[in-house]
Amino acid sequence: MSKDRQVFLSLQSRSTGSGFIVDHLGHVVTNAHVVGYRGDVMVHLCDGRSFPGKVLAVDVSSDLALIRGQFVLALGSPLMLANSVTVGVVSAVDRDLGHSEGLKYIQTDAIITFGNSGGPLVNLYGEVIGVNAMVAGTGVGFAIPVDQVRKFIQLALKASSNTRSSSPVSSASPTDPYILADNPTNSESGTQRRYLGLVMRTLTPELAFELASRGGQHFVELNGVLIHAVLRNSPAQKGLRAGDVIVAIDGLPITNAQQVYTATESREQLTITIVRQGKRITIDHIQTEKI
């Protein structure tokens, strides 16, 4: 991948993460938890230029977002501004983290931090093989496979195109409930759906072991759903944090992410019990939001 396709993203003057340009129209792929699900974002190129962008689509389930940049990519000689590159090896492919749709991850020991979350994972030939998504501990990072990224881009652009052709006013806001919702299930029935705004993973024994071996002893023997990220301006921001483990909703035990999706879709308000740094906490009156 050429250096002038890599970008840095900021939101409301705060640095948030990385991304990369995927076509000549200036569409940028990043993580959903980096940009949230609506609003403006600044796209900073390696040559020092900055352009405004709009969040076009968000898939919370796979933690992917597509931004429509207000620019057309012009390939040239960047000013070679400072960028960070971390190097590692692929530790495992098809790593199962309990995703409700069976999404598998690439595991790598390359360092993934908040700054390069959303950026590309590339091989020695410069080919994108995934999108950096999360870190379970030092030397344990996970990336979303490029096949899943390609599928998301195609769906997002198709949904955006359909919306623009049916409306006299072009909108750059997220266009499709399927792309917005926590729940990955397609909603062709037209039923109004609800969401929280969480990027989460089932806390499998393997993931719990990885976390515990790197200082997170409170994850040992825990069953539940790990919150990897909370989207900005989402209902979940009013009480939930990244790193929390959801263990119950409305008094019923939670053991996988699909149970959270189901509860969210059917209720306007939730009482969520979490484990935060080893302490069990119950948070009342968390509202879900219609989409």
Protein backbone atom coordinates (compact mmCIF):
# COMPACT_ATOMS: atom_id res chain seq x y z
CA MET A 1 0.00 0.00 0.00
CA SER A 2 1.36 3.44 -0.94
CA LYS A 3 1.94 5.85 1.92
CA ASP A 4 -0.38 8.49 0.44
CA ARG A 5 -3.38 6.19 0.92
CA GLN A 6 -2.92 6.06 4.68
CA VAL A 7 -4.77 8.70 6.70
CA PHE A 8 -5.10 9.94 10.26
CA LEU A 9 -8.58 10.75 11.59
CA SER A 10 -9.69 13.34 14.12
CA LEU A 11 -13.09 14.22 15.51
CA GLN A 12 -13.94 17.60 17.06
CA SER A 13 -10.24 18.51 17.25
CA ARG A 14 -9.38 15.29 19.12
CA SER A 15 -7.17 12.65 17.56
CA THR A 16 -9.03 9.38 17.30
CA GLY A 17 -7.35 6.84 15.07
CA SER A 18 -6.25 5.74 11.63
CA GLY A 19 -7.79 4.67 8.37
CA PHE A 20 -6.97 4.15 4.71
CA ILE A 21 -8.31 5.30 1.36
CA VAL A 22 -9.91 2.52 -0.68
CA ASP A 23 -10.77 4.22 -4.00
CA HIS A 24 -10.15 7.29 -6.18
CA LEU A 25 -13.32 8.95 -4.86
CA GLY A 26 -11.79 9.30 -1.43
CA HIS A 27 -13.76 6.70 0.54
CA VAL A 28 -11.95 5.83 3.77
CA VAL A 29 -12.26 2.64 5.83
CA THR A 30 -11.71 2.68 9.60
CA ASN A 31 -13.15 1.14 12.78
CA ALA A 32 -16.70 1.94 13.89
CA HIS A 33 -15.48 2.72 17.40
CA VAL A 34 -13.07 5.32 16.02
CA VAL A 35 -15.68 7.62 14.47
CA GLY A 36 -19.01 6.69 16.03
CA TYR A 37 -22.12 6.42 13.90
CA ARG A 38 -22.88 9.98 12.82
CA GLY A 39 -21.24 13.34 12.35
CA ASP A 40 -18.23 14.94 10.79
CA VAL A 41 -14.63 13.79 10.83
CA MET A 42 -11.40 15.37 9.62
CA VAL A 43 -9.24 13.27 7.30
CA HIS A 44 -5.53 14.13 7.48
CA LEU A 45 -3.31 12.96 4.63
CA CYS A 46 0.38 12.12 4.88
CA ASP A 47 1.32 15.20 2.82
CA GLY A 48 -0.09 17.51 5.49
CA ARG A 49 -3.42 18.31 3.84
CA SER A 50 -6.71 17.90 5.72
CA PHE A 51 -10.22 17.45 4.33
CA PRO A 52 -13.66 17.20 5.95
CA GLY A 53 -15.43 13.86 5.72
CA LYS A 54 -18.82 12.41 6.61
CA VAL A 55 -19.57 9.08 8.25
CA LEU A 56 -21.35 7.24 5.46
CA ALA A 57 -22.02 3.86 7.06
CA VAL A 58 -21.27 1.94 10.24
CA ASP A 59 -21.40 -1.80 10.93
CA VAL A 60 -21.09 -2.12 14.70
CA SER A 61 -21.14 -5.90 14.48
CA SER A 62 -17.85 -6.12 12.58
CA ASP A 63 -16.52 -2.77 13.92
CA LEU A 64 -16.16 -1.17 10.49
CA ALA A 65 -17.03 2.31 9.24
CA LEU A 66 -16.92 3.97 5.83
CA ILE A 67 -16.23 7.69 5.47
CA ARG A 68 -17.00 9.75 2.40
CA GLY A 69 -14.11 12.20 2.04
CA GLN A 70 -14.80 15.61 0.56
CA PHE A 71 -11.88 15.18 -1.81
CA VAL A 72 -10.68 13.15 -4.77
CA LEU A 73 -7.49 11.22 -4.21
CA ALA A 74 -4.57 12.84 -6.03
CA LEU A 75 -1.55 10.59 -6.09
CA GLY A 76 1.72 12.48 -5.75
CA SER A 77 4.79 12.85 -3.62
CA PRO A 78 3.88 13.18 0.05
CA LEU A 79 5.98 15.32 2.36
CA MET A 80 6.97 12.18 4.25
CA LEU A 81 5.54 13.41 7.54
CA ALA A 82 6.15 11.22 10.55
CA ASN A 83 4.10 8.04 10.64
CA SER A 84 4.42 5.03 12.85
CA VAL A 85 4.78 1.47 11.65
CA THR A 86 4.76 -1.55 13.91
CA VAL A 87 6.06 -4.91 12.74
CA GLY A 88 4.99 -8.37 13.78
CA VAL A 89 3.95 -11.78 12.58
CA VAL A 90 0.57 -13.38 12.07
CA SER A 91 0.12 -15.62 15.09
CA ALA A 92 -3.12 -17.24 13.93
CA VAL A 93 -5.78 -16.97 11.25
CA ASP A 94 -9.49 -17.75 11.57
CA ARG A 95 -9.39 -16.88 15.26
CA ASP A 96 -12.88 -17.25 16.76
CA LEU A 97 -13.81 -14.55 19.29
CA GLY A 98 -17.47 -15.53 19.59
CA HIS A 99 -18.81 -13.21 16.90
CA SER A 100 -22.53 -13.74 16.34
CA GLU A 101 -22.09 -14.20 12.57
CA GLY A 102 -19.04 -16.41 12.93
CA LEU A 103 -16.57 -13.72 11.85
CA LYS A 104 -13.00 -14.93 12.28
CA TYR A 105 -10.07 -12.64 13.08
CA ILE A 106 -6.41 -12.44 12.21
CA GLN A 107 -4.25 -12.58 15.34
CA THR A 108 -0.93 -10.75 15.25
CA ASP A 109 1.81 -9.80 17.69
CA ALA A 110 2.28 -6.42 15.97
CA ILE A 111 1.48 -3.67 18.47
CA ILE A 112 -2.01 -2.22 17.96
CA THR A 113 -2.79 0.93 19.92
CA PHE A 114 -5.63 3.45 19.93
CA GLY A 115 -3.63 5.54 17.45
CA ASN A 116 -3.40 2.88 14.75
CA SER A 117 -6.78 1.27 15.36
CA GLY A 118 -8.67 1.42 12.07
CA GLY A 119 -5.50 1.41 10.02
CA PRO A 120 -4.48 -1.30 7.57
CA LEU A 121 -2.65 -4.51 8.43
CA VAL A 122 -0.38 -5.14 5.44
CA ASN A 123 1.94 -7.91 4.33
CA LEU A 124 5.51 -7.50 3.09
CA TYR A 125 4.21 -6.87 -0.44
CA GLY A 126 2.21 -3.85 0.72
CA GLU A 127 -1.11 -5.64 0.27
CA VAL A 128 -3.88 -4.96 2.78
CA ILE A 129 -4.84 -8.18 4.55
CA GLY A 130 -6.97 -6.71 7.33
CA VAL A 131 -8.04 -3.71 9.41
CA ASN A 132 -6.51 -3.30 12.88
CA ALA A 133 -9.35 -3.64 15.36
CA MET A 134 -8.45 -4.49 18.95
CA VAL A 135 -5.78 -5.52 21.39
CA ALA A 136 -6.19 -8.15 24.10
CA GLY A 137 -2.81 -7.44 25.66
CA THR A 138 0.82 -6.88 24.82
CA GLY A 139 1.63 -8.97 21.79
CA VAL A 140 -1.98 -10.04 21.19
CA GLY A 141 -3.81 -7.95 18.60
CA PHE A 142 -6.68 -8.74 16.27
CA ALA A 143 -7.51 -7.53 12.77
CA ILE A 144 -10.66 -7.84 10.67
CA PRO A 145 -9.92 -9.92 7.54
CA VAL A 146 -9.90 -8.04 4.24
CA ASP A 147 -12.68 -10.24 2.79
CA GLN A 148 -15.05 -8.97 5.49
CA VAL A 149 -13.92 -5.40 4.84
CA ARG A 150 -14.58 -5.74 1.11
CA LYS A 151 -18.06 -7.12 1.79
CA PHE A 152 -18.86 -4.19 4.09
CA ILE A 153 -17.67 -1.60 1.56
CA GLN A 154 -19.82 -3.10 -1.20
CA LEU A 155 -22.90 -3.14 1.02
CA ALA A 156 -22.33 0.40 2.28
CA LEU A 157 -21.85 1.88 -1.19
CA LYS A 158 -24.90 0.05 -2.53
CA ALA A 159 -27.07 1.30 0.34
CA SER A 160 -25.77 4.84 -0.10
CA SER A 161 -26.43 4.75 -3.84
CA ASN A 162 -29.99 3.52 -3.32
CA THR A 163 -30.70 6.29 -0.83
CA ARG A 164 -29.34 9.05 -3.07
CA SER A 165 -31.31 7.85 -6.08
CA SER A 166 -34.59 7.82 -4.13
CA SER A 167 -34.14 11.20 -2.43
CA PRO A 168 -33.90 14.68 -3.97
CA VAL A 169 -31.31 15.61 -1.34
CA SER A 170 -28.06 13.67 -1.13
CA SER A 171 -27.21 12.65 2.41
CA ALA A 172 -23.84 11.52 3.69
CA SER A 173 -25.24 10.22 6.95
CA PRO A 174 -25.49 6.45 7.62
CA THR A 175 -28.08 5.15 5.21
CA ASP A 176 -29.17 1.68 6.17
CA PRO A 177 -30.40 0.20 9.49
CA TYR A 178 -28.52 -2.99 8.65
CA ILE A 179 -25.30 -1.02 8.68
CA LEU A 180 -26.15 0.98 11.79
CA ALA A 181 -27.46 -1.63 14.15
CA ASP A 182 -25.65 -3.65 16.79
CA ASN A 183 -27.52 -6.65 15.44
CA PRO A 184 -26.08 -7.96 12.16
CA THR A 185 -29.37 -9.60 11.14
CA ASN A 186 -30.77 -8.07 7.97
CA SER A 187 -33.99 -6.20 8.51
CA GLU A 188 -35.90 -6.38 5.23
CA SER A 189 -39.22 -6.69 7.03
CA GLY A 190 -39.27 -2.94 7.72
CA THR A 191 -39.64 -3.45 11.48
CA GLN A 192 -38.32 -0.54 13.57
CA ARG A 193 -35.16 -1.66 15.32
CA ARG A 194 -33.22 -0.50 18.36
CA TYR A 195 -29.56 -0.39 19.26
CA LEU A 196 -27.11 0.47 22.06
CA GLY A 197 -23.92 1.34 20.20
CA LEU A 198 -21.55 -1.35 21.44
CA VAL A 199 -18.68 -3.15 19.77
CA MET A 200 -18.56 -6.41 21.72
CA ARG A 201 -17.25 -9.94 21.67
CA THR A 202 -18.33 -13.08 23.48
CA LEU A 203 -15.81 -13.71 26.25
CA THR A 204 -14.66 -17.14 25.15
CA PRO A 205 -12.35 -19.23 27.38
CA GLU A 206 -9.52 -18.58 24.92
CA LEU A 207 -9.97 -14.81 25.02
CA ALA A 208 -10.34 -14.82 28.81
CA PHE A 209 -7.09 -16.78 29.10
CA GLU A 210 -5.25 -14.30 26.87
CA LEU A 211 -6.51 -11.36 28.94
CA ALA A 212 -5.76 -13.04 32.27
CA SER A 213 -2.24 -13.97 31.21
CA ARG A 214 -1.53 -10.28 30.64
CA GLY A 215 -2.72 -8.94 33.97
CA GLY A 216 -6.48 -9.15 33.64
CA GLN A 217 -6.97 -11.73 36.37
CA HIS A 218 -10.59 -10.65 36.92
CA PHE A 219 -11.47 -12.20 33.53
CA VAL A 220 -10.70 -15.70 34.82
CA GLU A 221 -13.83 -17.87 35.14
CA LEU A 222 -16.01 -15.02 33.81
CA ASN A 223 -18.83 -15.81 31.41
CA GLY A 224 -20.30 -12.94 29.49
CA VAL A 225 -19.73 -10.43 26.72
CA LEU A 226 -16.67 -8.19 26.60
CA ILE A 227 -17.27 -4.59 25.51
CA HIS A 228 -14.42 -3.68 23.20
CA ALA A 229 -15.63 -0.15 22.42
CA VAL A 230 -18.57 2.20 22.95
CA LEU A 231 -19.59 4.37 20.01
CA ARG A 232 -19.59 8.13 20.48
CA ASN A 233 -23.00 9.76 20.94
CA SER A 234 -24.63 6.35 21.45
CA PRO A 235 -27.05 5.33 24.24
CA ALA A 236 -24.40 3.02 25.73
CA GLN A 237 -22.13 5.98 26.49
CA LYS A 238 -24.34 6.90 29.43
CA GLY A 239 -23.07 4.07 31.63
CA LEU A 240 -20.98 1.48 29.83
CA ARG A 241 -17.24 1.50 29.14
CA ALA A 242 -14.75 -0.41 27.05
CA GLY A 243 -13.41 -3.29 29.14
CA ASP A 244 -16.70 -3.96 30.93
CA VAL A 245 -18.05 -7.50 30.78
CA ILE A 246 -21.84 -7.81 30.48
CA VAL A 247 -22.97 -10.73 32.66
CA ALA A 248 -26.74 -10.11 32.91
CA ILE A 249 -29.55 -8.06 31.38
CA ASP A 250 -32.76 -7.52 33.35
CA GLY A 251 -31.62 -10.23 35.75
CA LEU A 252 -31.10 -12.88 33.08
CA PRO A 253 -27.58 -14.31 32.60
CA ILE A 254 -25.73 -13.28 29.43
CA THR A 255 -23.21 -15.70 27.93
CA ASN A 256 -22.91 -14.56 24.30
CA ALA A 257 -23.23 -11.46 22.15
CA GLN A 258 -26.38 -12.64 20.36
CA GLN A 259 -28.29 -12.48 23.65
CA VAL A 260 -27.36 -8.80 23.97
CA TYR A 261 -28.53 -8.15 20.40
CA THR A 262 -31.85 -9.86 21.09
CA ALA A 263 -32.48 -7.98 24.34
CA THR A 264 -31.62 -4.67 22.70
CA GLU A 265 -34.01 -5.18 19.80
CA SER A 266 -37.03 -5.93 21.97
CA ARG A 267 -36.77 -3.40 24.81
CA GLU A 268 -36.72 0.36 25.18
CA GLN A 269 -34.87 0.26 28.49
CA LEU A 270 -32.40 -2.18 30.01
CA THR A 271 -30.91 -2.96 33.40
CA ILE A 272 -27.41 -4.21 32.66
CA THR A 273 -25.14 -5.98 35.13
CA ILE A 274 -21.44 -5.76 34.37
CA VAL A 275 -18.12 -6.71 35.87
CA ARG A 276 -15.73 -3.75 35.84
CA GLN A 277 -12.18 -4.35 37.07
CA GLY A 278 -13.36 -7.27 39.17
CA LYS A 279 -16.36 -5.48 40.71
CA ARG A 280 -19.95 -6.41 39.90
CA ILE A 281 -22.05 -3.34 39.06
CA THR A 282 -25.71 -3.00 38.03
CA ILE A 283 -26.63 -0.04 35.84
CA ASP A 284 -30.33 0.82 35.64
CA HIS A 285 -32.33 2.65 33.00
CA ILE A 286 -30.03 2.34 30.01
CA GLN A 287 -32.16 3.45 27.08
CA THR A 288 -32.00 1.85 23.66
CA GLU A 289 -32.50 4.03 20.60
CA LYS A 290 -34.62 3.56 17.49
CA ILE A 291 -32.87 3.43 14.14
